[in-house]
Amino acid sequence: MQMPTHTEEDKARFRALVPLLDGVAVKPMFGSVGAFVNGNMFAGLFGTDLGVKLDEPGRAALQALPGSGPFGPAERPMGGWLALPEGLSDEEATAWFERAYAYVVTLPPKEPKPRRTKG
């Protein structure tokens, strides 16, 4: 699998779209960036695609928009995730990020994996 490329401008736009809500952190993820709450990712950047994790009604609403589609590698798209259509305004994209946050914040917190020790 070849990882798609993105620019520093793509990453800066992603960071600007992430809502400033309780517990939100933007972290590196597989050479790109993701937005997390309680250890769970709710929005991500893959190449130039912006993706969100949504509940079933949210996925249905987003799938109804022309240009939305699978998010992640073509060979193995991420389950429960969709890419936002290109051309959405920053306000529209942020609204989808907020909807994803509202869903993911209800999920159980992800426990950090214990660090492996050398030995």
Protein backbone atom coordinates (compact mmCIF):
# COMPACT_ATOMS: atom_id res chain seq x y z
CA MET A 1 0.00 0.00 0.00
CA GLN A 2 1.35 3.37 -0.97
CA MET A 3 0.55 6.24 1.37
CA PRO A 4 -0.93 9.28 -0.38
CA THR A 5 0.88 12.56 0.02
CA HIS A 6 -0.33 15.71 1.66
CA THR A 7 1.21 19.12 2.11
CA GLU A 8 1.92 21.13 5.21
CA GLU A 9 -0.97 23.35 4.04
CA ASP A 10 -3.29 20.31 4.09
CA LYS A 11 -2.23 19.57 7.67
CA ALA A 12 -2.63 23.23 8.67
CA ARG A 13 -6.15 23.33 7.18
CA PHE A 14 -7.04 20.12 9.02
CA ARG A 15 -5.86 21.57 12.33
CA ALA A 16 -7.85 24.75 11.67
CA LEU A 17 -11.03 22.71 11.07
CA VAL A 18 -10.78 20.74 14.30
CA PRO A 19 -13.23 22.19 16.82
CA LEU A 20 -11.83 23.47 20.11
CA LEU A 21 -13.94 21.22 22.33
CA ASP A 22 -13.29 19.49 25.66
CA GLY A 23 -10.61 16.85 25.49
CA VAL A 24 -9.74 17.27 21.80
CA ALA A 25 -6.14 16.62 20.79
CA VAL A 26 -4.56 16.63 17.33
CA LYS A 27 -1.82 14.00 17.06
CA PRO A 28 0.40 12.50 14.37
CA MET A 29 -1.14 9.41 12.80
CA PHE A 30 0.65 7.24 10.22
CA GLY A 31 2.57 10.18 8.77
CA SER A 32 -0.48 12.42 8.80
CA VAL A 33 -2.70 13.84 11.56
CA GLY A 34 -5.84 12.84 13.42
CA ALA A 35 -8.19 14.51 15.90
CA PHE A 36 -8.86 12.51 19.07
CA VAL A 37 -11.11 12.62 22.09
CA ASN A 38 -10.70 10.18 24.99
CA GLY A 39 -8.08 8.32 22.95
CA ASN A 40 -10.49 7.69 20.04
CA MET A 41 -9.97 9.32 16.65
CA PHE A 42 -12.99 11.21 15.28
CA ALA A 43 -11.46 13.02 12.27
CA GLY A 44 -8.42 12.37 10.15
CA LEU A 45 -6.42 13.41 7.13
CA PHE A 46 -5.44 10.76 4.55
CA GLY A 47 -3.64 12.31 1.61
CA THR A 48 -5.83 15.31 0.93
CA ASP A 49 -9.03 13.56 2.09
CA LEU A 50 -10.72 14.69 5.28
CA GLY A 51 -12.48 11.84 7.03
CA VAL A 52 -14.87 11.51 9.94
CA LYS A 53 -16.14 8.64 12.10
CA LEU A 54 -19.92 8.79 12.39
CA ASP A 55 -22.84 6.85 13.77
CA GLU A 56 -25.22 5.21 11.28
CA PRO A 57 -27.54 8.23 10.85
CA GLY A 58 -24.51 10.48 10.36
CA ARG A 59 -23.00 8.14 7.76
CA ALA A 60 -26.31 8.00 5.90
CA ALA A 61 -26.55 11.80 5.87
CA LEU A 62 -22.96 12.19 4.65
CA GLN A 63 -23.32 9.45 2.02
CA ALA A 64 -26.24 11.42 0.59
CA LEU A 65 -23.83 14.24 -0.32
CA PRO A 66 -22.29 13.91 -3.78
CA GLY A 67 -18.55 13.31 -3.56
CA SER A 68 -18.47 11.60 -0.17
CA GLY A 69 -16.95 8.15 -0.09
CA PRO A 70 -14.75 5.64 1.68
CA PHE A 71 -11.94 6.98 3.86
CA GLY A 72 -8.51 5.44 4.08
CA PRO A 73 -6.57 3.13 1.80
CA ALA A 74 -8.56 1.98 -1.24
CA GLU A 75 -7.59 -1.63 -0.47
CA ARG A 76 -8.81 -1.34 3.09
CA PRO A 77 -11.09 1.62 3.87
CA MET A 78 -11.72 2.38 7.53
CA GLY A 79 -15.01 0.95 8.85
CA GLY A 80 -17.48 3.53 10.15
CA TRP A 81 -15.59 6.32 8.40
CA LEU A 82 -16.37 8.45 5.35
CA ALA A 83 -14.39 11.05 3.44
CA LEU A 84 -15.95 14.48 3.14
CA PRO A 85 -16.72 15.71 -0.36
CA GLU A 86 -14.09 18.02 -1.83
CA GLY A 87 -15.20 21.61 -2.07
CA LEU A 88 -17.02 21.84 1.25
CA SER A 89 -16.55 25.18 2.91
CA ASP A 90 -14.48 25.28 6.09
CA GLU A 91 -17.71 25.89 8.03
CA GLU A 92 -19.37 22.82 6.51
CA ALA A 93 -16.30 20.64 7.13
CA THR A 94 -16.07 21.84 10.75
CA ALA A 95 -19.75 21.00 11.22
CA TRP A 96 -19.01 17.41 10.15
CA PHE A 97 -16.00 17.30 12.48
CA GLU A 98 -18.27 18.49 15.31
CA ARG A 99 -20.85 15.82 14.46
CA ALA A 100 -18.11 13.17 14.52
CA TYR A 101 -16.86 14.47 17.88
CA ALA A 102 -20.42 14.34 19.29
CA TYR A 103 -20.60 10.65 18.35
CA VAL A 104 -17.09 9.56 19.32
CA VAL A 105 -17.15 11.32 22.71
CA THR A 106 -19.96 8.87 23.67
CA LEU A 107 -17.70 5.84 23.05
CA PRO A 108 -15.74 4.23 25.87
CA PRO A 109 -12.33 5.84 26.36
CA LYS A 110 -9.52 3.96 24.70
CA GLU A 111 -7.03 2.69 27.23
CA PRO A 112 -3.41 3.50 26.37
CA LYS A 113 -1.39 0.43 25.47
CA PRO A 114 1.34 -0.36 27.97
CA ARG A 115 4.81 0.54 26.77
CA ARG A 116 6.97 -2.39 25.90
CA THR A 117 10.15 -2.64 27.83
CA LYS A 118 13.42 -3.69 26.29
CA GLY A 119 14.84 -6.73 27.77
